[in-house]
Amino acid sequence: MSRILDQRILLLVISFLRSLQSTKVLSEWKKCGDQECETAMSRVQATTDYLGPDCRYLNFKTGEEIMVYSKLSRKNENLWTGSKGKDFGYFPKDAVKVEEVFIAEEVEVLTKETDFLCLHGDKYTFE
């Protein structure tokens, strides 16, 4: 009986840790094309397949086009944010090549809590 209880506690701990991982702040700063980060900065093409670790990340296949809206800066400069169709999320800049630049002068702004929103079913999860 206690072994079953131990296994349940272990599963709860693992579940809790995964939940924390999907809500942590990836960087306090980001670079955008405007103060609101609403203007597309560039168009890129995937050079490799990518499957992100949680729902904040954009999954894609080689050859797909992605519109870039922001780039994390300072603490974590290797992640960009973009969209592919209706999907939106983070992805490693090394998994894409720039096809067209729309905004040459980037603006650095503070990230917001909503930048790290992760949608799980019907619930929104924040750090």
N, C-alpha and C. Protein backbone atom coordinates (compact mmCIF):
# COMPACT_ATOMS: atom_id res chain seq x y z
N MET A 1 0.82 -1.20 0.00
CA MET A 1 0.00 0.00 0.00
C MET A 1 0.86 1.26 0.00
N SER A 2 1.90 1.27 0.83
CA SER A 2 2.76 2.46 0.89
C SER A 2 3.55 2.63 -0.40
N ARG A 3 3.83 1.54 -1.10
CA ARG A 3 4.54 1.62 -2.38
C ARG A 3 3.69 2.35 -3.42
N ILE A 4 2.40 2.06 -3.45
CA ILE A 4 1.48 2.74 -4.37
C ILE A 4 1.41 4.22 -4.04
N LEU A 5 1.36 4.54 -2.75
CA LEU A 5 1.33 5.94 -2.31
C LEU A 5 2.62 6.64 -2.73
N ASP A 6 3.76 5.98 -2.55
CA ASP A 6 5.05 6.56 -2.97
C ASP A 6 5.07 6.84 -4.47
N GLN A 7 4.54 5.92 -5.26
CA GLN A 7 4.51 6.12 -6.71
C GLN A 7 3.61 7.29 -7.09
N ARG A 8 2.48 7.42 -6.41
CA ARG A 8 1.58 8.54 -6.69
C ARG A 8 2.23 9.87 -6.34
N ILE A 9 2.93 9.91 -5.22
CA ILE A 9 3.62 11.14 -4.82
C ILE A 9 4.70 11.48 -5.84
N LEU A 10 5.44 10.48 -6.29
CA LEU A 10 6.47 10.70 -7.31
C LEU A 10 5.87 11.25 -8.60
N LEU A 11 4.75 10.70 -9.03
CA LEU A 11 4.07 11.20 -10.23
C LEU A 11 3.60 12.63 -10.05
N LEU A 12 3.09 12.97 -8.88
CA LEU A 12 2.67 14.34 -8.61
C LEU A 12 3.85 15.30 -8.67
N VAL A 13 4.97 14.91 -8.09
CA VAL A 13 6.17 15.75 -8.11
C VAL A 13 6.65 15.95 -9.55
N ILE A 14 6.70 14.89 -10.33
CA ILE A 14 7.12 15.00 -11.73
C ILE A 14 6.17 15.91 -12.50
N SER A 15 4.88 15.75 -12.31
CA SER A 15 3.89 16.59 -12.97
C SER A 15 4.07 18.04 -12.58
N PHE A 16 4.29 18.31 -11.31
CA PHE A 16 4.50 19.67 -10.83
C PHE A 16 5.75 20.30 -11.44
N LEU A 17 6.84 19.55 -11.50
CA LEU A 17 8.08 20.06 -12.08
C LEU A 17 7.93 20.37 -13.57
N ARG A 18 7.21 19.53 -14.30
CA ARG A 18 6.97 19.80 -15.72
C ARG A 18 6.13 21.05 -15.89
N SER A 19 5.16 21.26 -15.00
CA SER A 19 4.33 22.45 -15.04
C SER A 19 5.17 23.70 -14.81
N LEU A 20 6.08 23.66 -13.85
CA LEU A 20 6.97 24.80 -13.60
C LEU A 20 7.85 25.08 -14.79
N GLN A 21 8.34 24.04 -15.45
CA GLN A 21 9.22 24.22 -16.61
C GLN A 21 8.49 24.96 -17.72
N SER A 22 7.21 24.70 -17.91
CA SER A 22 6.48 25.32 -19.02
C SER A 22 6.01 26.72 -18.71
N THR A 23 6.33 27.27 -17.52
CA THR A 23 5.91 28.63 -17.20
C THR A 23 7.07 29.54 -16.84
N LYS A 24 8.30 29.04 -16.86
CA LYS A 24 9.40 29.89 -16.42
C LYS A 24 9.70 30.97 -17.47
N VAL A 25 10.17 32.10 -16.97
CA VAL A 25 10.53 33.22 -17.82
C VAL A 25 11.80 32.85 -18.57
N LEU A 26 11.77 32.98 -19.87
CA LEU A 26 12.91 32.62 -20.70
C LEU A 26 13.91 33.75 -20.83
N SER A 27 13.46 35.00 -20.67
CA SER A 27 14.32 36.17 -20.71
C SER A 27 13.50 37.37 -20.24
N GLU A 28 14.16 38.35 -19.67
CA GLU A 28 13.47 39.56 -19.23
C GLU A 28 13.40 40.60 -20.34
N TRP A 29 14.15 40.41 -21.41
CA TRP A 29 14.22 41.38 -22.50
C TRP A 29 13.98 40.69 -23.84
N LYS A 30 13.47 41.46 -24.79
CA LYS A 30 13.30 40.98 -26.16
C LYS A 30 13.49 42.14 -27.12
N LYS A 31 13.84 41.81 -28.35
CA LYS A 31 13.99 42.82 -29.41
C LYS A 31 12.83 42.64 -30.38
N CYS A 32 12.24 43.76 -30.80
CA CYS A 32 11.07 43.75 -31.67
C CYS A 32 11.21 44.81 -32.76
N GLY A 33 10.26 44.80 -33.66
CA GLY A 33 10.22 45.80 -34.72
C GLY A 33 9.54 47.08 -34.29
N ASP A 34 8.75 47.02 -33.20
CA ASP A 34 8.08 48.19 -32.63
C ASP A 34 7.88 47.95 -31.13
N GLN A 35 7.43 48.97 -30.41
CA GLN A 35 7.27 48.87 -28.96
C GLN A 35 6.28 47.79 -28.53
N GLU A 36 5.29 47.48 -29.35
CA GLU A 36 4.27 46.49 -29.02
C GLU A 36 4.59 45.09 -29.57
N CYS A 37 5.64 44.98 -30.35
CA CYS A 37 6.06 43.71 -30.97
C CYS A 37 4.97 43.14 -31.88
N GLU A 38 4.26 44.03 -32.56
CA GLU A 38 3.18 43.61 -33.45
C GLU A 38 3.59 43.54 -34.91
N THR A 39 4.71 44.15 -35.25
CA THR A 39 5.17 44.21 -36.64
C THR A 39 6.12 43.05 -36.92
N ALA A 40 5.88 42.34 -38.00
CA ALA A 40 6.79 41.25 -38.39
C ALA A 40 8.16 41.83 -38.70
N MET A 41 9.19 41.21 -38.15
CA MET A 41 10.56 41.67 -38.35
C MET A 41 11.20 41.04 -39.57
N SER A 42 10.86 39.77 -39.80
CA SER A 42 11.47 39.06 -40.93
C SER A 42 10.68 37.81 -41.26
N ARG A 43 11.02 37.26 -42.40
CA ARG A 43 10.47 35.97 -42.83
C ARG A 43 11.64 35.01 -42.90
N VAL A 44 11.48 33.84 -42.27
CA VAL A 44 12.55 32.85 -42.25
C VAL A 44 12.02 31.52 -42.77
N GLN A 45 12.95 30.65 -43.12
CA GLN A 45 12.59 29.31 -43.59
C GLN A 45 13.29 28.29 -42.69
N ALA A 46 12.55 27.27 -42.28
CA ALA A 46 13.11 26.23 -41.42
C ALA A 46 14.16 25.42 -42.18
N THR A 47 15.31 25.23 -41.55
CA THR A 47 16.38 24.44 -42.15
C THR A 47 16.42 23.03 -41.56
N THR A 48 15.58 22.80 -40.56
CA THR A 48 15.51 21.49 -39.91
C THR A 48 14.13 21.32 -39.28
N ASP A 49 13.74 20.11 -39.00
CA ASP A 49 12.50 19.87 -38.25
C ASP A 49 12.74 20.29 -36.80
N TYR A 50 11.71 20.83 -36.16
CA TYR A 50 11.84 21.23 -34.76
C TYR A 50 10.56 20.89 -34.00
N LEU A 51 10.74 20.24 -32.84
CA LEU A 51 9.64 19.91 -31.94
C LEU A 51 10.01 20.47 -30.57
N GLY A 52 9.29 21.50 -30.13
CA GLY A 52 9.60 22.17 -28.87
C GLY A 52 9.27 21.35 -27.64
N PRO A 53 9.86 21.73 -26.49
CA PRO A 53 9.66 20.98 -25.25
C PRO A 53 8.30 21.16 -24.59
N ASP A 54 7.58 22.26 -24.91
CA ASP A 54 6.25 22.46 -24.34
C ASP A 54 5.43 23.35 -25.28
N CYS A 55 4.23 23.69 -24.84
CA CYS A 55 3.29 24.38 -25.74
C CYS A 55 3.66 25.83 -26.03
N ARG A 56 4.70 26.37 -25.41
CA ARG A 56 5.13 27.73 -25.74
C ARG A 56 5.97 27.78 -27.01
N TYR A 57 6.36 26.63 -27.50
CA TYR A 57 7.27 26.55 -28.64
C TYR A 57 6.53 26.24 -29.93
N LEU A 58 7.07 26.76 -31.03
CA LEU A 58 6.51 26.55 -32.36
C LEU A 58 7.15 25.31 -32.98
N ASN A 59 6.34 24.36 -33.36
CA ASN A 59 6.84 23.16 -34.03
C ASN A 59 6.77 23.37 -35.53
N PHE A 60 7.78 22.88 -36.25
CA PHE A 60 7.77 23.02 -37.71
C PHE A 60 8.62 21.95 -38.37
N LYS A 61 8.48 21.88 -39.68
CA LYS A 61 9.24 20.93 -40.49
C LYS A 61 10.14 21.71 -41.45
N THR A 62 11.20 21.08 -41.90
CA THR A 62 12.14 21.69 -42.84
C THR A 62 11.40 22.27 -44.03
N GLY A 63 11.75 23.50 -44.39
CA GLY A 63 11.17 24.16 -45.55
C GLY A 63 9.99 25.05 -45.25
N GLU A 64 9.39 24.93 -44.08
CA GLU A 64 8.23 25.78 -43.75
C GLU A 64 8.67 27.22 -43.50
N GLU A 65 7.80 28.17 -43.87
CA GLU A 65 8.07 29.58 -43.66
C GLU A 65 7.49 30.04 -42.33
N ILE A 66 8.23 30.91 -41.65
CA ILE A 66 7.83 31.43 -40.35
C ILE A 66 8.02 32.95 -40.37
N MET A 67 7.05 33.67 -39.83
CA MET A 67 7.16 35.11 -39.66
C MET A 67 7.71 35.37 -38.26
N VAL A 68 8.79 36.16 -38.15
CA VAL A 68 9.43 36.45 -36.87
C VAL A 68 8.91 37.79 -36.33
N TYR A 69 8.47 37.78 -35.05
CA TYR A 69 7.94 38.98 -34.41
C TYR A 69 8.81 39.51 -33.28
N SER A 70 9.61 38.66 -32.67
CA SER A 70 10.52 39.13 -31.63
C SER A 70 11.68 38.15 -31.47
N LYS A 71 12.71 38.64 -30.81
CA LYS A 71 13.90 37.85 -30.53
C LYS A 71 14.26 38.07 -29.07
N LEU A 72 14.34 37.00 -28.28
CA LEU A 72 14.74 37.19 -26.89
C LEU A 72 16.16 37.74 -26.88
N SER A 73 16.46 38.57 -25.87
CA SER A 73 17.79 39.18 -25.82
C SER A 73 18.37 39.09 -24.41
N ARG A 74 19.63 39.43 -24.34
CA ARG A 74 20.44 39.41 -23.12
C ARG A 74 20.61 38.00 -22.57
N LYS A 75 19.71 37.54 -21.71
CA LYS A 75 19.87 36.25 -21.03
C LYS A 75 19.77 35.06 -21.97
N ASN A 76 18.95 35.15 -23.00
CA ASN A 76 18.66 33.99 -23.84
C ASN A 76 18.48 34.43 -25.30
N GLU A 77 19.55 34.72 -25.97
CA GLU A 77 19.48 35.28 -27.32
C GLU A 77 19.26 34.25 -28.42
N ASN A 78 19.21 32.97 -28.07
CA ASN A 78 19.09 31.96 -29.12
C ASN A 78 17.64 31.63 -29.48
N LEU A 79 16.65 32.23 -28.80
CA LEU A 79 15.25 31.96 -29.11
C LEU A 79 14.58 33.15 -29.77
N TRP A 80 13.85 32.87 -30.85
CA TRP A 80 13.04 33.87 -31.53
C TRP A 80 11.58 33.47 -31.37
N THR A 81 10.69 34.43 -31.61
CA THR A 81 9.25 34.17 -31.54
C THR A 81 8.65 34.43 -32.91
N GLY A 82 7.79 33.51 -33.35
CA GLY A 82 7.19 33.70 -34.66
C GLY A 82 5.93 32.89 -34.84
N SER A 83 5.37 33.03 -36.05
CA SER A 83 4.13 32.33 -36.35
C SER A 83 4.24 31.60 -37.68
N LYS A 84 3.45 30.53 -37.73
CA LYS A 84 3.33 29.71 -38.93
C LYS A 84 1.85 29.37 -39.00
N GLY A 85 1.13 30.01 -39.93
CA GLY A 85 -0.31 29.83 -39.96
C GLY A 85 -0.92 30.38 -38.68
N LYS A 86 -1.72 29.57 -37.98
CA LYS A 86 -2.34 29.99 -36.71
C LYS A 86 -1.44 29.70 -35.51
N ASP A 87 -0.37 28.95 -35.70
CA ASP A 87 0.51 28.57 -34.60
C ASP A 87 1.52 29.67 -34.31
N PHE A 88 1.81 29.88 -33.03
CA PHE A 88 2.72 30.93 -32.60
C PHE A 88 3.57 30.40 -31.45
N GLY A 89 4.86 30.72 -31.44
CA GLY A 89 5.69 30.29 -30.32
C GLY A 89 7.17 30.54 -30.53
N TYR A 90 7.95 30.06 -29.56
CA TYR A 90 9.40 30.20 -29.57
C TYR A 90 10.05 29.10 -30.39
N PHE A 91 11.20 29.41 -30.94
CA PHE A 91 11.99 28.42 -31.67
C PHE A 91 13.45 28.87 -31.69
N PRO A 92 14.38 27.94 -31.83
CA PRO A 92 15.80 28.31 -31.86
C PRO A 92 16.16 28.97 -33.19
N LYS A 93 16.88 30.07 -33.10
CA LYS A 93 17.26 30.80 -34.32
C LYS A 93 18.16 29.96 -35.22
N ASP A 94 18.85 28.98 -34.66
CA ASP A 94 19.74 28.12 -35.44
C ASP A 94 18.98 27.12 -36.31
N ALA A 95 17.66 27.00 -36.11
CA ALA A 95 16.86 26.06 -36.89
C ALA A 95 16.24 26.69 -38.13
N VAL A 96 16.60 27.96 -38.38
CA VAL A 96 16.02 28.68 -39.53
C VAL A 96 17.09 29.50 -40.25
N LYS A 97 16.76 29.90 -41.48
CA LYS A 97 17.62 30.86 -42.19
C LYS A 97 16.73 32.03 -42.61
N VAL A 98 17.28 33.23 -42.52
CA VAL A 98 16.53 34.44 -42.86
C VAL A 98 16.37 34.53 -44.37
N GLU A 99 15.15 34.70 -44.80
CA GLU A 99 14.83 34.84 -46.22
C GLU A 99 14.63 36.30 -46.60
N GLU A 100 13.95 37.06 -45.71
CA GLU A 100 13.65 38.46 -46.01
C GLU A 100 13.56 39.25 -44.70
N VAL A 101 14.22 40.41 -44.64
CA VAL A 101 14.19 41.27 -43.46
C VAL A 101 13.25 42.43 -43.74
N PHE A 102 12.26 42.63 -42.83
CA PHE A 102 11.30 43.73 -42.98
C PHE A 102 11.67 44.93 -42.12
N ILE A 103 12.27 44.67 -40.95
CA ILE A 103 12.63 45.72 -39.99
C ILE A 103 14.13 45.61 -39.71
N ALA A 104 14.87 46.65 -40.07
CA ALA A 104 16.32 46.62 -39.85
C ALA A 104 16.68 47.14 -38.46
N GLU A 105 15.92 48.11 -37.95
CA GLU A 105 16.23 48.71 -36.66
C GLU A 105 15.34 48.09 -35.58
N GLU A 106 15.96 47.33 -34.68
CA GLU A 106 15.22 46.63 -33.63
C GLU A 106 15.10 47.50 -32.38
N VAL A 107 14.00 47.32 -31.64
CA VAL A 107 13.74 48.03 -30.39
C VAL A 107 13.79 47.00 -29.26
N GLU A 108 14.54 47.28 -28.19
CA GLU A 108 14.59 46.34 -27.07
C GLU A 108 13.57 46.77 -26.02
N VAL A 109 12.72 45.82 -25.61
CA VAL A 109 11.68 46.09 -24.63
C VAL A 109 11.67 44.98 -23.58
N LEU A 110 11.08 45.29 -22.43
CA LEU A 110 10.93 44.29 -21.38
C LEU A 110 9.88 43.26 -21.80
N THR A 111 10.09 42.02 -21.43
CA THR A 111 9.07 41.00 -21.68
C THR A 111 7.93 41.19 -20.68
N LYS A 112 6.80 40.58 -20.99
CA LYS A 112 5.62 40.63 -20.13
C LYS A 112 5.28 39.21 -19.69
N GLU A 113 4.48 39.10 -18.65
CA GLU A 113 4.05 37.79 -18.18
C GLU A 113 3.36 37.01 -19.30
N THR A 114 2.59 37.71 -20.13
CA THR A 114 1.85 37.04 -21.21
C THR A 114 2.77 36.50 -22.30
N ASP A 115 4.02 36.95 -22.34
CA ASP A 115 4.97 36.41 -23.33
C ASP A 115 5.27 34.94 -23.05
N PHE A 116 5.03 34.49 -21.84
CA PHE A 116 5.37 33.13 -21.45
C PHE A 116 4.12 32.32 -21.10
N LEU A 117 3.03 32.72 -21.71
CA LEU A 117 1.75 32.04 -21.53
C LEU A 117 1.81 30.66 -22.18
N CYS A 118 1.31 29.69 -21.47
CA CYS A 118 1.24 28.34 -22.00
C CYS A 118 -0.19 27.86 -21.87
N LEU A 119 -0.79 27.45 -22.95
CA LEU A 119 -2.17 27.01 -22.94
C LEU A 119 -2.23 25.50 -22.78
N HIS A 120 -2.86 25.06 -21.71
CA HIS A 120 -3.07 23.63 -21.45
C HIS A 120 -4.57 23.38 -21.44
N GLY A 121 -5.12 22.86 -22.51
CA GLY A 121 -6.55 22.61 -22.56
C GLY A 121 -7.30 23.92 -22.45
N ASP A 122 -8.10 24.08 -21.38
CA ASP A 122 -8.88 25.29 -21.17
C ASP A 122 -8.20 26.30 -20.26
N LYS A 123 -7.04 25.94 -19.65
CA LYS A 123 -6.41 26.78 -18.65
C LYS A 123 -5.21 27.53 -19.20
N TYR A 124 -5.05 28.76 -18.73
CA TYR A 124 -3.85 29.53 -19.02
C TYR A 124 -2.93 29.41 -17.83
N THR A 125 -1.65 29.15 -18.08
CA THR A 125 -0.69 29.00 -17.00
C THR A 125 0.34 30.11 -17.07
N PHE A 126 0.53 30.83 -15.95
CA PHE A 126 1.53 31.88 -15.85
C PHE A 126 2.53 31.52 -14.79
N GLU A 127 3.73 32.14 -14.84
CA GLU A 127 4.68 31.96 -13.75
C GLU A 127 4.23 32.83 -12.61
